[in-house]
Protein backbone atom coordinates (compact mmCIF):
# COMPACT_ATOMS: atom_id res chain seq x y z
CA MET A 1 8.51 23.14 -27.62
CA PHE A 2 9.63 19.51 -27.29
CA GLN A 3 7.78 16.32 -26.39
CA ILE A 4 9.21 13.38 -24.47
CA LYS A 5 7.18 10.29 -25.31
CA ILE A 6 7.22 7.31 -22.97
CA ASN A 7 6.78 4.13 -25.00
CA LYS A 8 4.40 1.48 -23.67
CA ASN A 9 7.19 -1.10 -24.19
CA ILE A 10 9.67 0.78 -21.99
CA LYS A 11 11.97 -1.25 -19.74
CA LEU A 12 13.32 -0.22 -16.35
CA ASP A 13 16.82 0.67 -17.48
CA GLU A 14 15.47 2.70 -20.41
CA VAL A 15 14.02 5.25 -17.97
CA ASP A 16 17.49 6.84 -17.71
CA GLN A 17 17.19 7.87 -21.36
CA LEU A 18 14.15 9.99 -20.49
CA TYR A 19 16.26 12.00 -18.04
CA THR A 20 18.92 12.50 -20.72
CA GLN A 21 16.32 13.99 -23.05
CA LEU A 22 14.92 16.20 -20.29
CA ILE A 23 18.32 17.55 -19.25
CA GLN A 24 19.23 18.35 -22.86
CA HIS A 25 16.15 20.50 -23.28
CA ILE A 26 16.38 22.12 -19.87
CA LYS A 27 19.82 23.37 -20.94
CA LEU A 28 18.20 24.82 -24.06
CA ASP A 29 15.50 26.47 -21.91
CA ILE A 30 12.75 24.82 -23.97
CA THR A 31 9.20 24.02 -22.88
CA VAL A 32 8.85 20.25 -22.58
CA ASP A 33 5.65 18.19 -22.73
CA VAL A 34 5.52 14.59 -21.53
CA HIS A 35 3.43 11.97 -23.32
CA ILE A 36 2.57 8.87 -21.26
CA PRO A 37 1.07 5.58 -22.46
CA THR A 38 -2.39 4.46 -21.39
CA GLU A 39 -1.00 0.97 -20.75
CA LEU A 40 2.36 -0.70 -20.22
CA SER A 41 3.17 -3.85 -22.17
CA ILE A 42 5.08 -5.68 -19.44
CA SER A 43 4.92 -5.35 -15.67
CA TYR A 44 8.61 -4.93 -14.89
CA VAL A 45 9.52 -4.76 -11.21
CA GLY A 46 10.09 -1.14 -10.19
CA LEU A 47 9.08 0.37 -13.53
CA VAL A 48 5.92 2.26 -12.56
CA PRO A 49 7.39 4.19 -9.58
CA SER A 50 10.47 4.96 -11.67
CA LEU A 51 8.18 6.59 -14.23
CA TYR A 52 6.39 8.46 -11.45
CA GLN A 53 9.76 9.85 -10.37
CA PHE A 54 10.65 10.96 -13.86
CA VAL A 55 7.38 12.89 -14.07
CA PHE A 56 8.10 14.38 -10.61
CA THR A 57 11.40 15.65 -12.00
CA TRP A 58 9.90 16.99 -15.21
CA MET A 59 7.06 18.69 -13.32
CA ARG A 60 9.53 20.65 -11.11
CA TYR A 61 11.15 22.15 -14.23
CA GLU A 62 9.82 25.70 -14.57
CA LYS A 63 9.11 25.19 -18.26
CA SER A 64 7.39 21.83 -17.94
CA GLY A 65 4.48 21.90 -20.35
CA LYS A 66 1.48 19.61 -20.74
CA LEU A 67 0.98 16.05 -19.60
CA LEU A 68 -0.36 14.20 -22.63
CA LEU A 69 -2.26 10.91 -22.46
CA ASP A 70 -2.19 8.56 -25.42
CA ILE A 71 -5.87 9.23 -26.20
CA GLU A 72 -7.01 10.26 -29.66
CA LYS A 73 -10.80 10.33 -29.17
CA PRO A 74 -11.83 11.17 -25.61
CA ASP A 75 -15.52 10.71 -26.42
CA LYS A 76 -14.86 7.08 -27.34
CA THR A 77 -12.35 6.25 -24.60
CA ASP A 78 -13.06 3.64 -21.90
CA PHE A 79 -11.86 5.60 -18.87
CA ASN A 80 -12.65 2.72 -16.52
CA LYS A 81 -10.05 0.65 -18.34
CA LEU A 82 -7.67 3.62 -18.48
CA TYR A 83 -7.66 3.85 -14.69
CA GLU A 84 -6.70 0.18 -14.38
CA ASN A 85 -3.20 1.36 -15.35
CA GLU A 86 -1.60 2.39 -12.04
CA LEU A 87 0.56 4.88 -13.93
CA ILE A 88 -2.38 7.18 -14.66
CA PHE A 89 -4.16 8.34 -11.50
CA PRO A 90 -1.22 9.63 -9.40
CA LEU A 91 0.27 11.58 -12.31
CA VAL A 92 -3.06 13.05 -13.40
CA CYS A 93 -3.68 14.36 -9.87
CA LEU A 94 -0.09 15.56 -9.51
CA VAL A 95 -0.31 17.88 -12.53
CA TRP A 96 -4.04 18.64 -12.29
CA ASN A 97 -3.59 22.33 -11.45
CA LYS A 98 -0.06 23.07 -12.65
CA ASN A 99 0.41 21.43 -16.05
CA GLU A 100 -3.03 19.95 -16.72
CA VAL A 101 -3.83 16.86 -18.76
CA PHE A 102 -4.50 16.73 -22.50
CA ASP A 103 -5.16 14.29 -25.33
CA THR A 104 -2.34 12.92 -27.47
CA GLU A 105 -2.24 16.03 -29.70
CA GLY A 106 -2.36 18.45 -26.77
CA ASN A 107 -5.56 20.07 -28.04
CA VAL A 108 -8.29 18.71 -25.76
CA ASN A 109 -8.10 19.37 -22.02
CA LEU A 110 -9.22 16.14 -20.34
CA ARG A 111 -10.19 17.55 -16.95
CA GLY A 112 -13.89 17.31 -17.72
CA TYR A 113 -13.54 13.66 -18.70
CA LEU A 114 -11.31 12.68 -15.78
CA LYS A 115 -12.82 14.53 -12.81
CA ASP A 116 -15.47 11.95 -11.89
CA PHE A 117 -13.04 9.05 -12.36
CA ASN A 118 -10.54 10.77 -10.07
CA ARG A 119 -13.18 11.02 -7.36
CA ILE A 120 -14.17 7.36 -7.74
CA TYR A 121 -10.56 6.21 -7.71
CA PHE A 122 -9.70 8.24 -4.62
CA ASN A 123 -12.76 6.92 -2.79
CA ASN A 124 -11.62 3.39 -3.65
CA MET A 125 -8.20 4.18 -2.21
CA LYS A 126 -9.85 5.51 0.95
CA ALA A 127 -11.63 2.18 1.22
CA VAL A 128 -8.31 0.38 0.51
CA ILE A 129 -9.71 -1.49 -2.49
CA ALA A 130 -7.17 -3.34 -4.62
CA GLN A 131 -7.09 -2.94 -8.40
CA LYS A 132 -7.34 -5.66 -10.98
CA ASN A 133 -4.23 -7.67 -11.82
CA TRP A 134 -3.06 -8.00 -8.23
CA LYS A 135 -2.04 -4.50 -7.25
CA LEU A 136 -2.85 -2.04 -4.47
CA LEU A 137 -2.12 1.66 -4.99
CA LEU A 138 -2.51 4.12 -2.11
CA THR A 139 -1.48 7.74 -2.67
CA ASN A 140 -1.64 10.91 -0.60
CA PHE A 141 -1.91 14.27 -2.39
CA ASP A 142 -0.61 16.94 -0.01
CA HIS A 143 -1.64 19.83 -2.28
CA LEU A 144 -5.31 18.88 -2.05
CA SER A 145 -7.68 19.22 0.89
CA GLU A 146 -7.52 16.43 3.48
CA ASP A 147 -10.86 14.92 2.46
CA GLN A 148 -9.80 14.85 -1.21
CA GLY A 149 -6.10 14.08 -0.84
CA ILE A 150 -5.11 12.33 2.39
CA LEU A 151 -5.77 8.65 3.07
CA PRO A 152 -6.97 7.81 6.61
CA CYS A 153 -5.28 4.41 6.41
CA PHE A 154 -1.99 6.33 6.89
CA GLU A 155 -2.83 9.58 8.65
CA MET A 156 -5.63 11.72 10.03
CA ASN A 157 -5.81 15.32 11.23
CA GLY A 158 -2.16 15.90 10.43
CA ALA A 159 -0.88 12.95 12.45
CA PHE A 160 0.55 9.64 11.26
CA ILE A 161 -1.22 6.48 12.46
CA ALA A 162 -0.28 5.23 15.90
CA ASN A 163 1.36 1.88 15.17
CA GLU A 164 1.89 -1.08 12.87
CA THR A 165 -1.10 -2.93 14.25
CA SER A 166 -3.35 -0.10 13.12
CA LEU A 167 -1.70 -0.09 9.71
CA SER A 168 -2.11 -3.85 9.35
CA ASN A 169 -5.80 -3.61 10.22
CA ASN A 170 -6.29 -0.70 7.82
CA LEU A 171 -4.67 -2.48 4.87
CA LYS A 172 -5.90 -6.00 5.57
CA GLY A 173 -8.87 -6.01 3.20
CA GLY A 174 -6.94 -4.57 0.26
CA ILE A 175 -4.02 -6.93 0.70
CA TYR A 176 -6.30 -9.97 0.82
CA GLN A 177 -7.88 -8.78 -2.43
CA LEU A 178 -4.40 -8.29 -3.85
CA LEU A 179 -3.49 -11.88 -2.90
CA GLY A 180 -6.80 -13.30 -4.07
CA TYR A 181 -4.97 -15.54 -6.52
CA SER A 182 -5.21 -18.42 -4.06
CA LYS A 183 -6.02 -19.28 -0.46
CA ASP A 184 -2.50 -20.71 -0.09
CA VAL A 185 -0.98 -17.35 -0.98
CA GLN A 186 -3.26 -15.59 1.51
CA LYS A 187 -2.24 -18.10 4.16
CA SER A 188 1.44 -17.53 3.38
CA TYR A 189 0.90 -13.80 3.81
CA GLU A 190 -0.04 -14.36 7.46
CA GLU A 191 3.45 -15.72 8.03
CA ILE A 192 5.19 -12.65 6.61
CA LYS A 193 2.63 -9.99 7.53
CA GLY A 194 4.59 -8.67 10.50
CA SER A 195 7.71 -8.00 8.45
CA LEU A 196 5.80 -6.44 5.55
CA MET A 197 3.77 -4.12 7.76
CA GLY A 198 6.94 -3.14 9.61
CA MET A 199 8.58 -2.07 6.36
CA VAL A 200 5.54 -0.22 5.03
CA TYR A 201 5.06 1.54 8.35
CA GLU A 202 8.67 2.72 8.52
CA LEU A 203 8.80 3.85 4.89
CA MET A 204 5.45 5.64 4.80
CA LYS A 205 6.20 7.34 8.11
CA ASN A 206 9.46 8.47 6.57
CA THR A 207 7.58 10.18 3.71
CA PHE A 208 5.25 11.80 6.25
CA GLU A 209 8.21 13.24 8.17
CA TRP A 210 10.54 14.15 5.31
CA GLY A 211 8.88 13.80 1.92
CA ASN A 212 6.56 16.79 1.48
CA LYS A 213 8.62 19.90 2.30
CA ASP A 214 11.54 21.71 0.68
CA GLU A 215 14.95 22.61 2.12
CA ASN A 216 13.39 25.47 4.11
CA ASN A 217 10.63 23.26 5.54
CA VAL A 218 8.04 24.91 3.28
CA PRO A 219 5.30 22.55 2.01
CA LEU A 220 5.75 21.58 -1.64
CA ASP A 221 2.89 22.24 -4.02
CA PRO A 222 2.09 19.93 -5.68
CA SER A 223 3.29 16.99 -3.62
CA ILE A 224 2.40 13.31 -3.57
CA ARG A 225 3.49 10.39 -1.41
CA GLY A 226 2.39 6.84 -1.84
CA LEU A 227 2.56 3.08 -1.67
CA LEU A 228 2.26 0.56 -4.50
CA ILE A 229 2.15 -3.17 -3.75
CA LYS A 230 2.04 -5.68 -6.60
CA PHE A 231 1.80 -9.46 -6.46
CA TYR A 232 3.77 -11.48 -9.03
CA LYS A 233 3.76 -15.10 -10.03
CA LYS A 234 6.41 -15.65 -12.66
CA LYS A 235 8.68 -18.44 -13.75
CA ARG A 236 12.23 -18.04 -12.54
CA LYS A 237 13.55 -18.28 -16.10
CA THR A 238 11.22 -15.45 -17.24
CA LEU A 239 12.50 -13.17 -14.49
CA ILE A 240 16.12 -13.95 -15.29
CA ASP A 241 15.47 -13.22 -18.97
CA GLU A 242 13.69 -9.93 -18.16
CA PHE A 243 16.63 -8.68 -16.10
CA LYS A 244 19.45 -10.32 -18.05
CA SER A 245 21.31 -7.01 -18.20
CA HIS A 246 21.38 -6.63 -14.40
CA ASN A 247 23.70 -8.96 -12.50
CA GLY A 248 22.28 -8.03 -9.12
CA LEU A 249 18.72 -9.06 -10.03
CA ILE A 250 19.91 -12.19 -11.87
CA THR A 251 21.81 -13.30 -8.78
CA TYR A 252 18.78 -12.61 -6.63
CA PHE A 253 16.27 -14.51 -8.75
CA LYS A 254 18.67 -17.45 -9.21
CA SER A 255 19.00 -17.92 -5.46
CA ASP A 256 17.90 -21.23 -3.96
CA THR A 257 16.48 -19.26 -1.05
CA LEU A 258 13.49 -18.42 -3.27
CA THR A 259 11.25 -21.47 -3.54
CA GLU A 260 9.09 -22.32 -6.55
CA ASN A 261 5.66 -23.87 -6.79
CA SER A 262 4.86 -26.99 -8.82
CA LEU A 263 4.74 -24.87 -12.01
CA ASN A 264 8.25 -23.51 -11.39
CA GLU A 265 6.83 -20.10 -10.53
CA LEU A 266 8.10 -17.71 -7.89
CA TYR A 267 5.58 -15.80 -5.80
CA PHE A 268 6.74 -12.43 -4.55
CA LEU A 269 5.62 -8.89 -3.76
CA GLU A 270 6.94 -5.65 -5.18
CA ILE A 271 6.62 -2.91 -2.56
CA ASP A 272 7.24 0.65 -3.73
CA VAL A 273 7.20 3.73 -1.52
CA PHE A 274 7.59 7.02 -3.35
CA ASP A 275 7.43 10.76 -2.79
CA SER A 276 7.86 13.86 -4.93
CA GLY A 277 9.96 15.69 -2.35
CA ILE A 278 13.55 16.93 -2.51
CA GLY A 279 15.17 13.54 -1.87
CA PHE A 280 17.38 12.00 0.80
CA VAL A 281 20.48 14.07 0.12
CA LYS A 282 18.98 17.56 -0.05
CA LYS A 283 16.81 16.89 2.99
CA PHE A 284 19.76 15.58 5.00
CA LYS A 285 21.91 18.57 4.08
CA SER A 286 19.15 20.99 5.05
CA LEU A 287 18.86 19.34 8.47
CA ASN A 288 22.61 18.84 8.98
CA PRO A 289 24.31 21.87 7.37
CA THR A 290 27.61 21.37 9.21
CA GLU A 291 28.17 17.75 8.17
CA ASN A 292 30.59 17.33 5.27
CA LEU A 293 29.53 14.06 3.63
CA ASN A 294 29.29 13.03 0.00
CA ASP A 295 25.94 11.93 -1.41
CA ILE A 296 26.58 8.20 -1.11
CA ASP A 297 27.66 8.50 2.51
CA ILE A 298 24.52 10.51 3.27
CA ILE A 299 22.31 7.75 1.85
CA LYS A 300 24.31 5.14 3.75
CA LYS A 301 23.96 7.13 6.94
CA CYS A 302 20.18 7.23 6.45
CA LEU A 303 20.26 3.41 6.48
CA ILE A 304 22.10 3.15 9.78
CA LYS A 305 20.14 2.75 13.01
CA HIS A 306 19.11 5.94 14.86
CA ASN A 307 20.44 8.33 12.21
CA THR A 308 17.01 9.30 10.81
CA SER A 309 14.52 8.75 13.61
CA ALA A 310 12.25 11.70 14.30
CA LYS A 311 11.75 12.90 17.83
CA GLY A 312 8.64 14.27 19.43
CA LEU A 313 6.06 12.22 17.56
CA GLU A 314 3.41 11.05 19.95
CA LYS A 315 3.42 7.44 18.84
CA ASP A 316 3.79 4.17 20.67
CA ASP A 317 5.67 2.44 17.82
CA LYS A 318 8.48 4.82 16.91
CA GLY A 319 10.76 3.69 14.13
CA ILE A 320 14.51 3.40 14.23
CA GLY A 321 15.30 4.60 10.75
CA LEU A 322 15.71 2.74 7.51
CA ASP A 323 18.14 0.31 9.15
CA ARG A 324 15.11 -1.68 10.20
CA ILE A 325 14.17 -2.26 6.55
CA LEU A 326 17.50 -4.00 5.93
CA ASN A 327 16.98 -6.11 9.02
CA LEU A 328 13.51 -7.22 7.88
CA LEU A 329 14.80 -8.02 4.37
CA ASP A 330 17.80 -9.96 5.67
CA GLY A 331 18.31 -13.28 3.91
CA LYS A 332 15.35 -12.97 1.55
CA GLY A 333 14.72 -9.50 0.08
CA PHE A 334 16.06 -7.03 -2.48
CA LEU A 335 16.24 -3.26 -2.06
CA ARG A 336 16.56 -0.52 -4.69
CA ILE A 337 16.86 3.20 -3.88
CA LYS A 338 16.69 6.01 -6.43
CA THR A 339 17.11 9.55 -5.16
CA GLY A 340 19.01 12.62 -6.34
CA ASN A 341 21.92 11.61 -8.58
CA ASN A 342 22.08 8.06 -7.26
CA THR A 343 20.54 4.67 -8.00
CA LEU A 344 21.64 1.99 -5.56
CA TYR A 345 20.68 -1.53 -4.59
CA ARG A 346 21.39 -4.36 -2.21
CA ASN A 347 20.62 -8.05 -2.54
CA LEU A 348 19.95 -9.11 1.06
CA ILE A 349 20.40 -12.79 0.15
CA SER A 350 23.95 -12.47 -1.16
CA HIS A 351 24.87 -9.57 1.14
CA ARG A 352 23.28 -10.22 4.51
CA TYR A 353 22.31 -7.60 7.06
CA LYS A 354 25.00 -6.48 9.47
CA LYS A 355 24.44 -4.20 12.40
CA ILE A 356 26.52 -1.08 11.84
CA GLU A 357 27.48 1.57 14.35
CA LYS A 358 26.59 5.19 13.59
CA GLU A 359 30.17 6.22 12.94
CA SER A 360 31.00 3.32 10.59
CA ILE A 361 29.41 4.63 7.39
CA SER A 362 31.93 2.85 5.15
CA ASP A 363 30.72 -0.53 6.44
CA MET A 364 27.26 -0.05 4.94
CA GLU A 365 27.04 -2.02 1.69
CA LEU A 366 25.17 -0.37 -1.17
CA PHE A 367 25.87 -1.17 -4.81
CA ASP A 368 25.69 1.05 -7.86
CA TRP A 369 22.82 0.04 -10.14
CA LYS A 370 24.94 0.09 -13.32
CA ASN A 371 28.44 -1.01 -12.40
CA HIS A 372 27.52 -3.11 -9.31
CA SER A 373 30.40 -1.61 -7.38
CA ASN A 374 30.39 -0.89 -3.65
CA GLU A 375 33.24 1.60 -4.09
CA THR A 376 32.68 3.62 -7.27
CA TYR A 377 29.30 5.07 -8.18
CA THR A 378 27.63 6.37 -11.33
CA ASP A 379 26.61 10.02 -11.40
CA TYR A 380 23.05 9.79 -12.78
CA SER A 381 20.94 12.65 -14.04
CA PHE A 382 19.25 14.32 -11.09
CA ALA A 383 15.86 12.90 -10.09
CA ASN A 384 13.43 14.67 -7.78
CA GLY A 385 11.86 12.80 -4.92
CA SER A 386 12.71 9.31 -3.74
CA VAL A 387 11.64 5.82 -4.71
CA ILE A 388 12.35 2.74 -2.63
CA THR A 389 11.52 -0.57 -4.31
CA ILE A 390 11.53 -3.82 -2.37
CA ILE A 391 11.22 -7.38 -3.63
CA TYR A 392 9.87 -9.67 -0.94
CA PRO A 393 9.23 -13.38 -1.63
CA ILE A 394 6.03 -15.04 -0.48
CA SER A 395 7.82 -18.36 -0.01
CA PHE A 396 11.46 -18.81 0.93
CA ASN A 397 13.94 -21.02 2.78
CA LEU A 398 15.94 -19.65 5.68
């Protein structure tokens, strides 16, 4: 048996090392436990959903063992504080029946301690209540009953909500709590609300349509799909220092398009949409078995208008695929996609949106996360599910 321990000081690009450890021990056919921290030292953009995705991948391994929380004395643990860490609740519920949750030594099963807190947390999500420290986490658990696992702000009775107006109304209270830092920030939100709700609607609908079934259209068990929105106020220099190893993010945060307040701080939102499904590439291949495309071209095709729209949904606001996300981010946002063996990004300030015809896949610009190339791509360790991370500024010049 082997244990992969996630350090509370972990940075975004260090997550790849977790996959390396996992793959090594999968090849050895060894049972692997995962040990997660009860808090993270720094709130790096995109870190939490990236850790979700690693646990998704580990959990699908047939010899995945226990999920261990960094708790030595459950009887003396403040579980209210524990659940302030947005890493905890989704992963606890994901492995609740399959792997189960234990203390740091793997001796004490924590289900009895966590059950009531799970119920309280899920009821808060149903009520769209934001957490402390400017974050809103909303997660569906497809393997649980509808009343215990599905959020009515997104779907009811097996149907996705009718339109973006409904979504905006459903999330309004939680987002205003999230932006409670100042009245000015709440006011600024009104100016960008339409774009943000358009992106969330498209992305969450995408998980509803494609994110909870396998290649044979059989429901995955367990399966989670969710949204995490976080508000940041950070000095530009701090952000550049945090991501000094990533040229794409440095270029983005240095841009004059992003405007600072009087304290030289940038205000922006991190929007993460995640699912524990089979990912863009496997899903596309299962639906289009005769198409001979490489993985990068498949992801690019998913970002081109009309290539991913579902038909037959009785909605009055049908989406037009992930192309719309690029359009809404044009000139101001940043997009990161991690799915399958690929981690890609696009800075929509330096590389503006261009309408692309369905047949012109090569014209879609997506850059490799490591080498920043639009032509050669890194073959990453395989990751289950999909995570889309968006950076969207509260204040910007266009």
